[in-house]
Amino acid sequence: MSNKLSGNYLSVKLPANLLALCDGLGSDAILLLLGYFELLSQQEVPSDVVELYILFDHMPAAEDTRWQKALAELLEEGLLLAYPQTTEDPQQAVLLFPATPEGSRRFEALRAGNLSLAEIQAANPLPDPDKPNIFTLYEQNIGPLTPMIAEILKADAETYPESWLREAMQQAVSRNIRNWKYVQAILKAWQEKGRDENHGTTQSALERFRELYRQQKQQGSRKP
């Protein structure tokens, strides 16, 4: 007999009309919405706001456009609200609010300037004991960890999102350049020129997400 449901149970308040909200959504959009609420269940301090790149990192590994299309659908349907909607800073975090009465109220207060970013408690996932940290990944992919390298990694981990560190390291390894200076060069380029392909941290990326969804809907409506 299968024991797939024998893990720990989540404790999070879900919208009473969640099933109705999911009616008509694509399966990936439903998964992303559930992933959003799953992240909220892992907080020591209550929060209903999630950073976009953290949500993407939380989801199962998939091709880049999969969760982008799902996010586009949730934004288009108004189930999640993205702030800011316009930013030229590739390092600017995009916050996702739920379209609940309280989430909408805080979203509008933030837009109107009646609420500051400092007052927003975004979800901060608890560390996954099964997920390798940056030091382990360095040892597995680059080389032995020295005290000096450990300090450099710690500083970079405070400067760049974890997902950037992992992706930059993957790029370096795929090119057989096992050197942290090369990884840092990739990170610096993303910081200066923008890194929105996977995380949508600019307005153009959010608009592309929405356009992907619009195209998907139009293609579906043309089918006989």
Protein backbone atom coordinates (compact mmCIF):
# COMPACT_ATOMS: atom_id res chain seq x y z
CA MET A 1 0.00 0.00 0.00
CA SER A 2 1.37 3.45 -0.95
CA ASN A 3 2.56 5.77 1.83
CA LYS A 4 2.83 8.92 -0.29
CA LEU A 5 0.69 10.97 2.11
CA SER A 6 2.58 10.02 5.25
CA GLY A 7 4.80 13.14 5.36
CA ASN A 8 4.39 16.18 7.58
CA TYR A 9 1.14 18.08 7.19
CA LEU A 10 1.04 21.77 6.29
CA SER A 11 -0.61 24.33 8.50
CA VAL A 12 -1.71 27.35 6.47
CA LYS A 13 -4.99 29.16 5.90
CA LEU A 14 -6.28 28.73 2.36
CA PRO A 15 -8.99 30.85 0.71
CA ALA A 16 -12.40 29.32 1.34
CA ASN A 17 -13.16 29.58 -2.39
CA LEU A 18 -9.85 28.01 -3.53
CA LEU A 19 -11.54 25.29 -5.59
CA ALA A 20 -13.66 27.86 -7.40
CA LEU A 21 -10.59 30.00 -8.04
CA CYS A 22 -8.76 27.05 -9.58
CA ASP A 23 -11.63 26.17 -11.87
CA GLY A 24 -10.48 26.99 -15.39
CA LEU A 25 -6.82 27.46 -14.49
CA GLY A 26 -4.13 25.42 -16.21
CA SER A 27 -2.49 22.66 -14.18
CA ASP A 28 0.82 24.55 -13.89
CA ALA A 29 -0.93 27.67 -12.64
CA ILE A 30 -2.67 25.58 -9.98
CA LEU A 31 0.67 24.02 -8.99
CA LEU A 32 2.31 27.44 -8.75
CA LEU A 33 -0.55 28.78 -6.63
CA LEU A 34 -0.30 25.77 -4.32
CA GLY A 35 3.48 26.26 -4.20
CA TYR A 36 2.84 29.84 -3.11
CA PHE A 37 0.69 28.72 -0.19
CA GLU A 38 3.11 25.91 0.63
CA LEU A 39 5.89 28.47 1.06
CA LEU A 40 3.69 30.43 3.45
CA SER A 41 3.17 27.31 5.56
CA GLN A 42 6.90 27.09 6.25
CA GLN A 43 7.25 30.46 7.95
CA GLU A 44 8.15 30.92 11.59
CA VAL A 45 6.81 34.48 11.34
CA PRO A 46 3.41 34.75 9.57
CA SER A 47 3.59 36.27 6.10
CA ASP A 48 1.48 36.27 2.95
CA VAL A 49 4.05 37.87 0.62
CA VAL A 50 6.53 35.85 -1.47
CA GLU A 51 9.41 37.09 -3.61
CA LEU A 52 9.06 35.94 -7.21
CA TYR A 53 12.47 34.30 -7.54
CA ILE A 54 11.99 32.43 -4.24
CA LEU A 55 8.68 31.06 -5.49
CA PHE A 56 10.31 29.90 -8.75
CA ASP A 57 13.17 28.29 -6.84
CA HIS A 58 10.67 26.49 -4.63
CA MET A 59 8.93 24.82 -7.57
CA PRO A 60 10.05 21.53 -9.17
CA ALA A 61 12.79 21.94 -11.76
CA ALA A 62 11.34 22.64 -15.20
CA GLU A 63 12.13 24.45 -18.44
CA ASP A 64 12.30 28.23 -17.96
CA THR A 65 9.00 29.11 -19.64
CA ARG A 66 6.87 26.65 -17.68
CA TRP A 67 6.54 28.64 -14.46
CA GLN A 68 6.70 31.93 -16.38
CA LYS A 69 3.52 30.98 -18.24
CA ALA A 70 1.91 29.80 -15.01
CA LEU A 71 2.75 33.10 -13.30
CA ALA A 72 1.42 35.02 -16.29
CA GLU A 73 -1.88 33.19 -15.93
CA LEU A 74 -2.14 33.93 -12.20
CA LEU A 75 -1.31 37.60 -12.80
CA GLU A 76 -3.75 37.85 -15.70
CA GLU A 77 -6.52 36.24 -13.67
CA GLY A 78 -5.74 38.58 -10.78
CA LEU A 79 -5.06 35.80 -8.27
CA LEU A 80 -1.58 37.16 -7.50
CA LEU A 81 -0.50 40.81 -7.51
CA ALA A 82 3.06 41.78 -8.45
CA TYR A 83 4.88 44.75 -6.91
CA PRO A 84 6.59 46.69 -8.35
CA GLN A 85 5.06 46.51 -11.79
CA THR A 86 7.73 48.82 -13.22
CA THR A 87 11.42 48.67 -12.34
CA GLU A 88 14.66 49.13 -14.23
CA ASP A 89 16.76 47.61 -11.45
CA PRO A 90 17.54 43.92 -12.19
CA GLN A 91 18.24 43.40 -8.48
CA GLN A 92 14.84 44.79 -7.43
CA ALA A 93 12.83 42.06 -5.78
CA VAL A 94 9.34 41.52 -7.18
CA LEU A 95 6.88 40.83 -4.37
CA LEU A 96 3.83 38.66 -4.98
CA PHE A 97 0.73 39.42 -2.90
CA PRO A 98 -2.34 37.18 -2.78
CA ALA A 99 -5.51 38.81 -4.13
CA THR A 100 -7.26 38.30 -0.78
CA PRO A 101 -8.96 41.34 0.79
CA GLU A 102 -5.99 41.86 3.15
CA GLY A 103 -3.39 41.15 0.47
CA SER A 104 -5.08 43.56 -1.95
CA ARG A 105 -5.33 46.22 0.76
CA ARG A 106 -1.62 46.04 1.53
CA PHE A 107 -0.72 45.90 -2.17
CA GLU A 108 -2.68 49.10 -2.84
CA ALA A 109 -1.25 50.76 0.28
CA LEU A 110 2.26 49.98 -0.96
CA ARG A 111 1.49 51.39 -4.40
CA ALA A 112 -0.01 54.53 -2.88
CA GLY A 113 2.99 55.08 -0.63
CA ASN A 114 0.99 54.53 2.55
CA LEU A 115 3.02 51.42 3.35
CA SER A 116 6.80 51.08 3.09
CA LEU A 117 8.80 48.07 1.90
CA ALA A 118 10.40 47.97 5.34
CA GLU A 119 6.97 47.16 6.79
CA ILE A 120 6.50 44.16 4.49
CA GLN A 121 7.45 40.77 5.95
CA ALA A 122 8.18 38.59 2.92
CA ALA A 123 8.29 34.82 3.21
CA ASN A 124 11.73 33.53 4.11
CA PRO A 125 11.85 29.76 3.51
CA LEU A 126 13.36 27.63 6.23
CA PRO A 127 16.55 25.88 5.08
CA ASP A 128 16.01 22.50 3.48
CA PRO A 129 18.34 20.01 5.20
CA ASP A 130 18.41 17.89 2.04
CA LYS A 131 19.40 20.80 -0.20
CA PRO A 132 23.18 21.41 -0.59
CA ASN A 133 24.33 24.85 0.55
CA ILE A 134 26.70 27.05 -1.42
CA PHE A 135 29.76 25.69 0.42
CA THR A 136 28.84 22.09 -0.39
CA LEU A 137 28.17 22.98 -4.03
CA TYR A 138 31.55 24.70 -4.26
CA GLU A 139 33.34 21.61 -2.95
CA GLN A 140 31.35 19.34 -5.26
CA ASN A 141 31.89 21.41 -8.39
CA ILE A 142 34.85 23.78 -8.01
CA GLY A 143 37.36 22.47 -5.49
CA PRO A 144 38.46 22.26 -1.84
CA LEU A 145 36.98 24.86 0.50
CA THR A 146 39.59 27.06 2.23
CA PRO A 147 38.89 29.66 4.96
CA MET A 148 39.54 32.48 2.47
CA ILE A 149 37.20 31.00 -0.14
CA ALA A 150 34.57 30.44 2.55
CA GLU A 151 34.63 34.18 3.38
CA ILE A 152 34.31 35.08 -0.32
CA LEU A 153 31.38 32.69 -0.74
CA LYS A 154 29.70 34.11 2.35
CA ALA A 155 30.04 37.66 1.00
CA ASP A 156 28.69 36.66 -2.42
CA ALA A 157 25.77 34.83 -0.80
CA GLU A 158 24.82 38.11 0.88
CA THR A 159 25.07 40.01 -2.42
CA TYR A 160 23.33 37.71 -4.89
CA PRO A 161 20.20 35.51 -4.75
CA GLU A 162 20.89 31.85 -4.04
CA SER A 163 19.42 30.85 -7.39
CA TRP A 164 21.91 33.12 -9.20
CA LEU A 165 24.82 31.50 -7.37
CA ARG A 166 23.64 28.04 -8.34
CA GLU A 167 22.96 28.94 -11.97
CA ALA A 168 26.27 30.79 -12.40
CA MET A 169 28.13 27.82 -10.96
CA GLN A 170 26.27 25.47 -13.31
CA GLN A 171 27.28 27.64 -16.27
CA ALA A 172 30.92 27.63 -15.20
CA VAL A 173 30.94 23.85 -14.74
CA SER A 174 29.20 23.27 -18.09
CA ARG A 175 32.03 25.24 -19.75
CA ASN A 176 34.61 23.33 -17.70
CA ILE A 177 35.86 26.54 -16.07
CA ARG A 178 36.07 25.55 -12.42
CA ASN A 179 37.10 28.91 -11.06
CA TRP A 180 35.13 31.12 -8.66
CA LYS A 181 36.40 34.32 -10.31
CA TYR A 182 34.64 33.17 -13.47
CA VAL A 183 31.44 32.54 -11.48
CA GLN A 184 31.76 36.04 -10.01
CA ALA A 185 32.16 37.49 -13.52
CA ILE A 186 28.86 35.87 -14.54
CA LEU A 187 27.14 37.20 -11.42
CA LYS A 188 28.49 40.72 -11.97
CA ALA A 189 27.33 40.70 -15.60
CA TRP A 190 23.84 39.64 -14.54
CA GLN A 191 23.79 42.37 -11.91
CA GLU A 192 24.88 45.09 -14.35
CA LYS A 193 23.01 43.99 -17.48
CA GLY A 194 19.97 42.35 -15.91
CA ARG A 195 19.01 38.79 -15.20
CA ASP A 196 15.29 38.46 -15.87
CA GLU A 197 15.05 35.36 -18.09
CA ASN A 198 14.10 33.06 -15.22
CA HIS A 199 13.03 35.35 -12.43
CA GLY A 200 11.15 38.18 -14.10
CA THR A 201 12.64 41.01 -12.02
CA THR A 202 11.84 43.75 -14.54
CA GLN A 203 8.62 45.11 -15.91
CA SER A 204 9.45 43.79 -19.40
CA ALA A 205 9.68 40.26 -17.98
CA LEU A 206 6.32 40.57 -16.24
CA GLU A 207 4.81 41.83 -19.47
CA ARG A 208 6.35 38.88 -21.34
CA PHE A 209 4.77 36.53 -18.80
CA ARG A 210 1.38 38.09 -19.46
CA GLU A 211 1.93 38.05 -23.23
CA LEU A 212 2.83 34.33 -23.10
CA TYR A 213 -0.46 33.66 -21.35
CA ARG A 214 -2.47 35.80 -23.77
CA GLN A 215 -0.93 33.94 -26.73
CA GLN A 216 -1.64 30.61 -25.05
CA LYS A 217 -5.30 31.56 -24.52
CA GLN A 218 -5.67 32.77 -28.11
CA GLN A 219 -4.17 29.57 -29.50
CA GLY A 220 -6.52 27.52 -27.34
CA SER A 221 -9.57 29.45 -28.53
CA ARG A 222 -8.67 28.81 -32.19
CA LYS A 223 -8.68 25.05 -31.76
CA PRO A 224 -11.78 23.39 -33.31
